[in-house]
Amino acid sequence: GACFVVGPLFNAEVAKICNRRGIPYIPGCGSVS
């Protein structure tokens, strides 16, 4: 039942699975890039 997913880092595979389910993925980023 998670309504959003947050991580300490960015993982492109997590983004894919969240996008598929329409769930916001908020990844941890440490730079502009």
Full PDB file with SEQRES, HELIX, SHEET, SSBOND, CRYST1, ORIGX, SCALE, CONECT and MASTER records, all heavy atoms in Angstrom:
SEQRES   1 A   33  GLY ALA CYS PHE VAL VAL GLY PRO LEU PHE ASN ALA GLU          
SEQRES   2 A   33  VAL ALA LYS ILE CYS ASN ARG ARG GLY ILE PRO TYR ILE          
SEQRES   3 A   33  PRO GLY CYS GLY SER VAL SER                                  
HELIX    1 AA1 ALA A   12  ARG A   21  1                                  10    
SHEET    1 AA1 2 VAL A   5  VAL A   6  0                                        
SHEET    2 AA1 2 TYR A  25  ILE A  26  1                                        
CRYST1    1.000    1.000    1.000  90.00  90.00  90.00 P 1           1          
ORIGX1      1.000000  0.000000  0.000000        0.00000                         
ORIGX2      0.000000  1.000000  0.000000        0.00000                         
ORIGX3      0.000000  0.000000  1.000000        0.00000                         
SCALE1      1.000000  0.000000  0.000000        0.00000                         
SCALE2      0.000000  1.000000  0.000000        0.00000                         
SCALE3      0.000000  0.000000  1.000000        0.00000                         
ATOM      1  N   GLY A   1       0.764  -1.245   0.000  1.00  0.00           N  
ATOM      2  CA  GLY A   1       0.000   0.000   0.000  1.00  0.00           C  
ATOM      3  C   GLY A   1       0.790   1.288   0.000  1.00  0.00           C  
ATOM      4  O   GLY A   1       0.210   2.362   0.218  1.00  0.00           O  
ATOM      5  N   ALA A   2       2.091   1.240  -0.256  1.00  0.00           N  
ATOM      6  CA  ALA A   2       2.878   2.470  -0.283  1.00  0.00           C  
ATOM      7  C   ALA A   2       2.365   3.416  -1.359  1.00  0.00           C  
ATOM      8  O   ALA A   2       2.194   3.025  -2.518  1.00  0.00           O  
ATOM      9  CB  ALA A   2       4.347   2.152  -0.533  1.00  0.00           C  
ATOM     10  N   CYS A   3       2.147   4.659  -0.974  1.00  0.00           N  
ATOM     11  CA  CYS A   3       1.660   5.677  -1.919  1.00  0.00           C  
ATOM     12  C   CYS A   3       2.803   6.412  -2.607  1.00  0.00           C  
ATOM     13  O   CYS A   3       2.585   7.104  -3.604  1.00  0.00           O  
ATOM     14  CB  CYS A   3       0.779   6.687  -1.188  1.00  0.00           C  
ATOM     15  SG  CYS A   3      -0.776   6.011  -0.576  1.00  0.00           S  
ATOM     16  N   PHE A   4       4.006   6.291  -2.073  1.00  0.00           N  
ATOM     17  CA  PHE A   4       5.187   6.863  -2.709  1.00  0.00           C  
ATOM     18  C   PHE A   4       6.414   6.116  -2.190  1.00  0.00           C  
ATOM     19  O   PHE A   4       6.366   5.471  -1.138  1.00  0.00           O  
ATOM     20  CB  PHE A   4       5.307   8.367  -2.462  1.00  0.00           C  
ATOM     21  CG  PHE A   4       5.354   8.787  -1.017  1.00  0.00           C  
ATOM     22  CD1 PHE A   4       6.568   9.008  -0.373  1.00  0.00           C  
ATOM     23  CD2 PHE A   4       4.182   8.975  -0.286  1.00  0.00           C  
ATOM     24  CE1 PHE A   4       6.615   9.397   0.966  1.00  0.00           C  
ATOM     25  CE2 PHE A   4       4.216   9.377   1.045  1.00  0.00           C  
ATOM     26  CZ  PHE A   4       5.431   9.580   1.672  1.00  0.00           C  
ATOM     27  N   VAL A   5       7.490   6.182  -2.955  1.00  0.00           N  
ATOM     28  CA  VAL A   5       8.718   5.470  -2.632  1.00  0.00           C  
ATOM     29  C   VAL A   5       9.871   6.465  -2.609  1.00  0.00           C  
ATOM     30  O   VAL A   5      10.057   7.236  -3.561  1.00  0.00           O  
ATOM     31  CB  VAL A   5       9.007   4.359  -3.662  1.00  0.00           C  
ATOM     32  CG1 VAL A   5      10.377   3.711  -3.404  1.00  0.00           C  
ATOM     33  CG2 VAL A   5       7.899   3.301  -3.640  1.00  0.00           C  
ATOM     34  N   VAL A   6      10.651   6.442  -1.531  1.00  0.00           N  
ATOM     35  CA  VAL A   6      11.783   7.355  -1.362  1.00  0.00           C  
ATOM     36  C   VAL A   6      13.056   6.536  -1.180  1.00  0.00           C  
ATOM     37  O   VAL A   6      13.040   5.477  -0.538  1.00  0.00           O  
ATOM     38  CB  VAL A   6      11.585   8.271  -0.141  1.00  0.00           C  
ATOM     39  CG1 VAL A   6      12.735   9.289  -0.031  1.00  0.00           C  
ATOM     40  CG2 VAL A   6      10.239   8.992  -0.221  1.00  0.00           C  
ATOM     41  N   GLY A   7      14.155   7.003  -1.738  1.00  0.00           N  
ATOM     42  CA  GLY A   7      15.424   6.304  -1.584  1.00  0.00           C  
ATOM     43  C   GLY A   7      16.553   7.246  -1.237  1.00  0.00           C  
ATOM     44  O   GLY A   7      16.467   8.454  -1.497  1.00  0.00           O  
ATOM     45  N   PRO A   8      17.639   6.728  -0.676  1.00  0.00           N  
ATOM     46  CA  PRO A   8      18.805   7.551  -0.385  1.00  0.00           C  
ATOM     47  C   PRO A   8      19.666   7.778  -1.622  1.00  0.00           C  
ATOM     48  O   PRO A   8      20.585   8.585  -1.610  1.00  0.00           O  
ATOM     49  CB  PRO A   8      19.560   6.714   0.659  1.00  0.00           C  
ATOM     50  CG  PRO A   8      19.218   5.306   0.300  1.00  0.00           C  
ATOM     51  CD  PRO A   8      17.793   5.347  -0.185  1.00  0.00           C  
ATOM     52  N   LEU A   9      19.352   7.034  -2.692  1.00  0.00           N  
ATOM     53  CA  LEU A   9      20.095   7.116  -3.949  1.00  0.00           C  
ATOM     54  C   LEU A   9      19.130   6.958  -5.106  1.00  0.00           C  
ATOM     55  O   LEU A   9      17.945   6.663  -4.907  1.00  0.00           O  
ATOM     56  CB  LEU A   9      21.176   6.021  -3.994  1.00  0.00           C  
ATOM     57  CG  LEU A   9      20.743   4.581  -3.656  1.00  0.00           C  
ATOM     58  CD1 LEU A   9      20.003   3.909  -4.808  1.00  0.00           C  
ATOM     59  CD2 LEU A   9      21.943   3.744  -3.253  1.00  0.00           C  
ATOM     60  N   PHE A  10      19.647   7.164  -6.325  1.00  0.00           N  
ATOM     61  CA  PHE A  10      18.820   7.001  -7.523  1.00  0.00           C  
ATOM     62  C   PHE A  10      19.102   5.648  -8.159  1.00  0.00           C  
ATOM     63  O   PHE A  10      20.247   5.299  -8.444  1.00  0.00           O  
ATOM     64  CB  PHE A  10      19.102   8.114  -8.534  1.00  0.00           C  
ATOM     65  CG  PHE A  10      18.481   7.869  -9.890  1.00  0.00           C  
ATOM     66  CD1 PHE A  10      17.115   7.733 -10.008  1.00  0.00           C  
ATOM     67  CD2 PHE A  10      19.270   7.757 -11.024  1.00  0.00           C  
ATOM     68  CE1 PHE A  10      16.528   7.489 -11.248  1.00  0.00           C  
ATOM     69  CE2 PHE A  10      18.708   7.521 -12.270  1.00  0.00           C  
ATOM     70  CZ  PHE A  10      17.333   7.390 -12.380  1.00  0.00           C  
ATOM     71  N   ASN A  11      18.049   4.861  -8.384  1.00  0.00           N  
ATOM     72  CA  ASN A  11      18.151   3.574  -9.053  1.00  0.00           C  
ATOM     73  C   ASN A  11      17.142   3.576 -10.194  1.00  0.00           C  
ATOM     74  O   ASN A  11      15.935   3.631  -9.959  1.00  0.00           O  
ATOM     75  CB  ASN A  11      17.857   2.440  -8.066  1.00  0.00           C  
ATOM     76  CG  ASN A  11      18.025   1.056  -8.669  1.00  0.00           C  
ATOM     77  OD1 ASN A  11      17.630   0.819  -9.798  1.00  0.00           O  
ATOM     78  ND2 ASN A  11      18.588   0.136  -7.900  1.00  0.00           N  
ATOM     79  N   ALA A  12      17.638   3.531 -11.412  1.00  0.00           N  
ATOM     80  CA  ALA A  12      16.767   3.609 -12.589  1.00  0.00           C  
ATOM     81  C   ALA A  12      15.757   2.469 -12.634  1.00  0.00           C  
ATOM     82  O   ALA A  12      14.644   2.637 -13.154  1.00  0.00           O  
ATOM     83  CB  ALA A  12      17.606   3.614 -13.866  1.00  0.00           C  
ATOM     84  N   GLU A  13      16.110   1.305 -12.096  1.00  0.00           N  
ATOM     85  CA  GLU A  13      15.191   0.173 -12.102  1.00  0.00           C  
ATOM     86  C   GLU A  13      14.028   0.393 -11.132  1.00  0.00           C  
ATOM     87  O   GLU A  13      12.913  -0.062 -11.378  1.00  0.00           O  
ATOM     88  CB  GLU A  13      15.942  -1.118 -11.757  1.00  0.00           C  
ATOM     89  CG  GLU A  13      16.996  -1.502 -12.783  1.00  0.00           C  
ATOM     90  CD  GLU A  13      16.415  -1.622 -14.195  1.00  0.00           C  
ATOM     91  OE1 GLU A  13      15.367  -2.284 -14.343  1.00  0.00           O  
ATOM     92  OE2 GLU A  13      17.001  -1.054 -15.128  1.00  0.00           O  
ATOM     93  N   VAL A  14      14.301   1.080 -10.031  1.00  0.00           N  
ATOM     94  CA  VAL A  14      13.221   1.431  -9.105  1.00  0.00           C  
ATOM     95  C   VAL A  14      12.274   2.406  -9.793  1.00  0.00           C  
ATOM     96  O   VAL A  14      11.049   2.313  -9.662  1.00  0.00           O  
ATOM     97  CB  VAL A  14      13.769   2.031  -7.802  1.00  0.00           C  
ATOM     98  CG1 VAL A  14      12.623   2.535  -6.917  1.00  0.00           C  
ATOM     99  CG2 VAL A  14      14.591   0.991  -7.036  1.00  0.00           C  
ATOM    100  N   ALA A  15      12.838   3.352 -10.543  1.00  0.00           N  
ATOM    101  CA  ALA A  15      12.007   4.316 -11.276  1.00  0.00           C  
ATOM    102  C   ALA A  15      11.061   3.597 -12.231  1.00  0.00           C  
ATOM    103  O   ALA A  15       9.873   3.944 -12.330  1.00  0.00           O  
ATOM    104  CB  ALA A  15      12.893   5.299 -12.040  1.00  0.00           C  
ATOM    105  N   LYS A  16      11.555   2.590 -12.926  1.00  0.00           N  
ATOM    106  CA  LYS A  16      10.721   1.852 -13.879  1.00  0.00           C  
ATOM    107  C   LYS A  16       9.533   1.188 -13.192  1.00  0.00           C  
ATOM    108  O   LYS A  16       8.396   1.266 -13.664  1.00  0.00           O  
ATOM    109  CB  LYS A  16      11.562   0.788 -14.587  1.00  0.00           C  
ATOM    110  CG  LYS A  16      12.546   1.324 -15.604  1.00  0.00           C  
ATOM    111  CD  LYS A  16      13.316   0.170 -16.246  1.00  0.00           C  
ATOM    112  CE  LYS A  16      14.342   0.691 -17.240  1.00  0.00           C  
ATOM    113  NZ  LYS A  16      15.106  -0.428 -17.845  1.00  0.00           N  
ATOM    114  N   ILE A  17       9.800   0.497 -12.096  1.00  0.00           N  
ATOM    115  CA  ILE A  17       8.721  -0.238 -11.438  1.00  0.00           C  
ATOM    116  C   ILE A  17       7.705   0.703 -10.809  1.00  0.00           C  
ATOM    117  O   ILE A  17       6.500   0.421 -10.800  1.00  0.00           O  
ATOM    118  CB  ILE A  17       9.305  -1.230 -10.401  1.00  0.00           C  
ATOM    119  CG1 ILE A  17       8.265  -2.273 -10.012  1.00  0.00           C  
ATOM    120  CG2 ILE A  17       9.846  -0.534  -9.176  1.00  0.00           C  
ATOM    121  CD1 ILE A  17       8.834  -3.416  -9.194  1.00  0.00           C  
ATOM    122  N   CYS A  18       8.170   1.846 -10.326  1.00  0.00           N  
ATOM    123  CA  CYS A  18       7.235   2.828  -9.759  1.00  0.00           C  
ATOM    124  C   CYS A  18       6.413   3.483 -10.862  1.00  0.00           C  
ATOM    125  O   CYS A  18       5.200   3.693 -10.706  1.00  0.00           O  
ATOM    126  CB  CYS A  18       8.002   3.882  -8.964  1.00  0.00           C  
ATOM    127  SG  CYS A  18       8.690   3.280  -7.397  1.00  0.00           S  
ATOM    128  N   ASN A  19       7.052   3.807 -11.979  1.00  0.00           N  
ATOM    129  CA  ASN A  19       6.322   4.403 -13.102  1.00  0.00           C  
ATOM    130  C   ASN A  19       5.232   3.476 -13.607  1.00  0.00           C  
ATOM    131  O   ASN A  19       4.135   3.910 -13.962  1.00  0.00           O  
ATOM    132  CB  ASN A  19       7.296   4.738 -14.244  1.00  0.00           C  
ATOM    133  CG  ASN A  19       8.197   5.907 -13.932  1.00  0.00           C  
ATOM    134  OD1 ASN A  19       7.903   6.717 -13.054  1.00  0.00           O  
ATOM    135  ND2 ASN A  19       9.312   6.003 -14.631  1.00  0.00           N  
ATOM    136  N   ARG A  20       5.538   2.195 -13.648  1.00  0.00           N  
ATOM    137  CA  ARG A  20       4.564   1.218 -14.134  1.00  0.00           C  
ATOM    138  C   ARG A  20       3.310   1.207 -13.280  1.00  0.00           C  
ATOM    139  O   ARG A  20       2.204   0.993 -13.774  1.00  0.00           O  
ATOM    140  CB  ARG A  20       5.192  -0.175 -14.160  1.00  0.00           C  
ATOM    141  CG  ARG A  20       4.269  -1.253 -14.737  1.00  0.00           C  
ATOM    142  CD  ARG A  20       4.956  -2.602 -14.772  1.00  0.00           C  
ATOM    143  NE  ARG A  20       6.110  -2.604 -15.640  1.00  0.00           N  
ATOM    144  CZ  ARG A  20       7.370  -2.827 -15.235  1.00  0.00           C  
ATOM    145  NH1 ARG A  20       7.610  -3.064 -13.956  1.00  0.00           N  
ATOM    146  NH2 ARG A  20       8.357  -2.819 -16.088  1.00  0.00           N  
ATOM    147  N   ARG A  21       3.484   1.439 -11.982  1.00  0.00           N  
ATOM    148  CA  ARG A  21       2.351   1.401 -11.053  1.00  0.00           C  
ATOM    149  C   ARG A  21       1.777   2.790 -10.755  1.00  0.00           C  
ATOM    150  O   ARG A  21       0.840   2.911  -9.974  1.00  0.00           O  
ATOM    151  CB  ARG A  21       2.798   0.746  -9.740  1.00  0.00           C  
ATOM    152  CG  ARG A  21       3.232  -0.713  -9.872  1.00  0.00           C  
ATOM    153  CD  ARG A  21       2.055  -1.653  -9.947  1.00  0.00           C  
ATOM    154  NE  ARG A  21       1.402  -1.770  -8.651  1.00  0.00           N  
ATOM    155  CZ  ARG A  21       1.742  -2.651  -7.705  1.00  0.00           C  
ATOM    156  NH1 ARG A  21       2.731  -3.502  -7.929  1.00  0.00           N  
ATOM    157  NH2 ARG A  21       1.107  -2.689  -6.555  1.00  0.00           N  
ATOM    158  N   GLY A  22       2.339   3.827 -11.366  1.00  0.00           N  
ATOM    159  CA  GLY A  22       1.828   5.177 -11.136  1.00  0.00           C  
ATOM    160  C   GLY A  22       2.117   5.689  -9.739  1.00  0.00           C  
ATOM    161  O   GLY A  22       1.335   6.466  -9.171  1.00  0.00           O  
ATOM    162  N   ILE A  23       3.250   5.247  -9.166  1.00  0.00           N  
ATOM    163  CA  ILE A  23       3.640   5.640  -7.810  1.00  0.00           C  
ATOM    164  C   ILE A  23       4.808   6.612  -7.878  1.00  0.00           C  
ATOM    165  O   ILE A  23       5.806   6.341  -8.568  1.00  0.00           O  
ATOM    166  CB  ILE A  23       4.053   4.398  -6.985  1.00  0.00           C  
ATOM    167  CG1 ILE A  23       2.893   3.425  -6.859  1.00  0.00           C  
ATOM    168  CG2 ILE A  23       4.587   4.793  -5.614  1.00  0.00           C  
ATOM    169  CD1 ILE A  23       1.718   3.958  -6.090  1.00  0.00           C  
ATOM    170  N   PRO A  24       4.761   7.744  -7.189  1.00  0.00           N  
ATOM    171  CA  PRO A  24       5.891   8.676  -7.201  1.00  0.00           C  
ATOM    172  C   PRO A  24       7.151   8.028  -6.618  1.00  0.00           C  
ATOM    173  O   PRO A  24       7.098   7.406  -5.556  1.00  0.00           O  
ATOM    174  CB  PRO A  24       5.417   9.834  -6.324  1.00  0.00           C  
ATOM    175  CG  PRO A  24       3.927   9.732  -6.317  1.00  0.00           C  
ATOM    176  CD  PRO A  24       3.621   8.269  -6.407  1.00  0.00           C  
ATOM    177  N   TYR A  25       8.254   8.189  -7.324  1.00  0.00           N  
ATOM    178  CA  TYR A  25       9.561   7.749  -6.839  1.00  0.00           C  
ATOM    179  C   TYR A  25      10.395   8.986  -6.588  1.00  0.00           C  
ATOM    180  O   TYR A  25      10.612   9.794  -7.489  1.00  0.00           O  
ATOM    181  CB  TYR A  25      10.231   6.840  -7.867  1.00  0.00           C  
ATOM    182  CG  TYR A  25      11.663   6.462  -7.560  1.00  0.00           C  
ATOM    183  CD1 TYR A  25      12.050   6.117  -6.258  1.00  0.00           C  
ATOM    184  CD2 TYR A  25      12.629   6.427  -8.563  1.00  0.00           C  
ATOM    185  CE1 TYR A  25      13.362   5.751  -5.982  1.00  0.00           C  
ATOM    186  CE2 TYR A  25      13.938   6.048  -8.295  1.00  0.00           C  
ATOM    187  CZ  TYR A  25      14.302   5.720  -7.003  1.00  0.00           C  
ATOM    188  OH  TYR A  25      15.610   5.359  -6.724  1.00  0.00           O  
ATOM    189  N   ILE A  26      10.850   9.146  -5.349  1.00  0.00           N  
ATOM    190  CA  ILE A  26      11.626  10.321  -4.946  1.00  0.00           C  
ATOM    191  C   ILE A  26      13.022   9.840  -4.562  1.00  0.00           C  
ATOM    192  O   ILE A  26      13.258   9.413  -3.433  1.00  0.00           O  
ATOM    193  CB  ILE A  26      10.945  11.045  -3.765  1.00  0.00           C  
ATOM    194  CG1 ILE A  26       9.489  11.373  -4.112  1.00  0.00           C  
ATOM    195  CG2 ILE A  26      11.705  12.313  -3.399  1.00  0.00           C  
ATOM    196  CD1 ILE A  26       8.668  11.874  -2.939  1.00  0.00           C  
ATOM    197  N   PRO A  27      13.957   9.872  -5.509  1.00  0.00           N  
ATOM    198  CA  PRO A  27      15.287   9.336  -5.250  1.00  0.00           C  
ATOM    199  C   PRO A  27      16.220  10.346  -4.599  1.00  0.00           C  
ATOM    200  O   PRO A  27      16.073  11.560  -4.787  1.00  0.00           O  
ATOM    201  CB  PRO A  27      15.777   8.987  -6.659  1.00  0.00           C  
ATOM    202  CG  PRO A  27      15.163  10.057  -7.513  1.00  0.00           C  
ATOM    203  CD  PRO A  27      13.809  10.324  -6.905  1.00  0.00           C  
ATOM    204  N   GLY A  28      17.181   9.820  -3.859  1.00  0.00           N  
ATOM    205  CA  GLY A  28      18.189  10.684  -3.265  1.00  0.00           C  
ATOM    206  C   GLY A  28      19.225  11.079  -4.301  1.00  0.00           C  
ATOM    207  O   GLY A  28      19.750  10.231  -5.026  1.00  0.00           O  
ATOM    208  N   CYS A  29      19.509  12.378  -4.390  1.00  0.00           N  
ATOM    209  CA  CYS A  29      20.476  12.901  -5.365  1.00  0.00           C  
ATOM    210  C   CYS A  29      21.457  13.822  -4.642  1.00  0.00           C  
ATOM    211  O   CYS A  29      21.063  14.570  -3.739  1.00  0.00           O  
ATOM    212  CB  CYS A  29      19.765  13.674  -6.471  1.00  0.00           C  
ATOM    213  SG  CYS A  29      18.573  12.689  -7.410  1.00  0.00           S  
ATOM    214  N   GLY A  30      22.715  13.759  -5.063  1.00  0.00           N  
ATOM    215  CA  GLY A  30      23.731  14.582  -4.417  1.00  0.00           C  
ATOM    216  C   GLY A  30      24.421  15.555  -5.344  1.00  0.00           C  
ATOM    217  O   GLY A  30      25.396  16.190  -4.969  1.00  0.00           O  
ATOM    218  N   SER A  31      23.895  15.679  -6.582  1.00  0.00           N  
ATOM    219  CA  SER A  31      24.489  16.602  -7.546  1.00  0.00           C  
ATOM    220  C   SER A  31      23.447  17.032  -8.563  1.00  0.00           C  
ATOM    221  O   SER A  31      22.388  16.405  -8.695  1.00  0.00           O  
ATOM    222  CB  SER A  31      25.664  15.934  -8.270  1.00  0.00           C  
ATOM    223  OG  SER A  31      25.196  14.931  -9.154  1.00  0.00           O  
ATOM    224  N   VAL A  32      23.783  18.071  -9.307  1.00  0.00           N  
ATOM    225  CA  VAL A  32      22.888  18.553 -10.355  1.00  0.00           C  
ATOM    226  C   VAL A  32      22.707  17.480 -11.429  1.00  0.00           C  
ATOM    227  O   VAL A  32      21.598  17.262 -11.924  1.00  0.00           O  
ATOM    228  CB  VAL A  32      23.440  19.850 -10.974  1.00  0.00           C  
ATOM    229  CG1 VAL A  32      22.557  20.305 -12.140  1.00  0.00           C  
ATOM    230  CG2 VAL A  32      23.517  20.956  -9.922  1.00  0.00           C  
ATOM    231  N   SER A  33      23.767  16.784 -11.769  1.00  0.00           N  
ATOM    232  CA  SER A  33      23.675  15.731 -12.786  1.00  0.00           C  
ATOM    233  C   SER A  33      22.755  14.604 -12.343  1.00  0.00           C  
ATOM    234  O   SER A  33      21.955  14.094 -13.133  1.00  0.00           O  
ATOM    235  CB  SER A  33      25.071  15.163 -13.095  1.00  0.00           C  
ATOM    236  OG  SER A  33      25.874  16.126 -13.747  1.00  0.00           O  
TER     237      SER A  33                                                      
MASTER        0    0    0    1    2    0    0    6  236    1    0    3          
END                                                                             
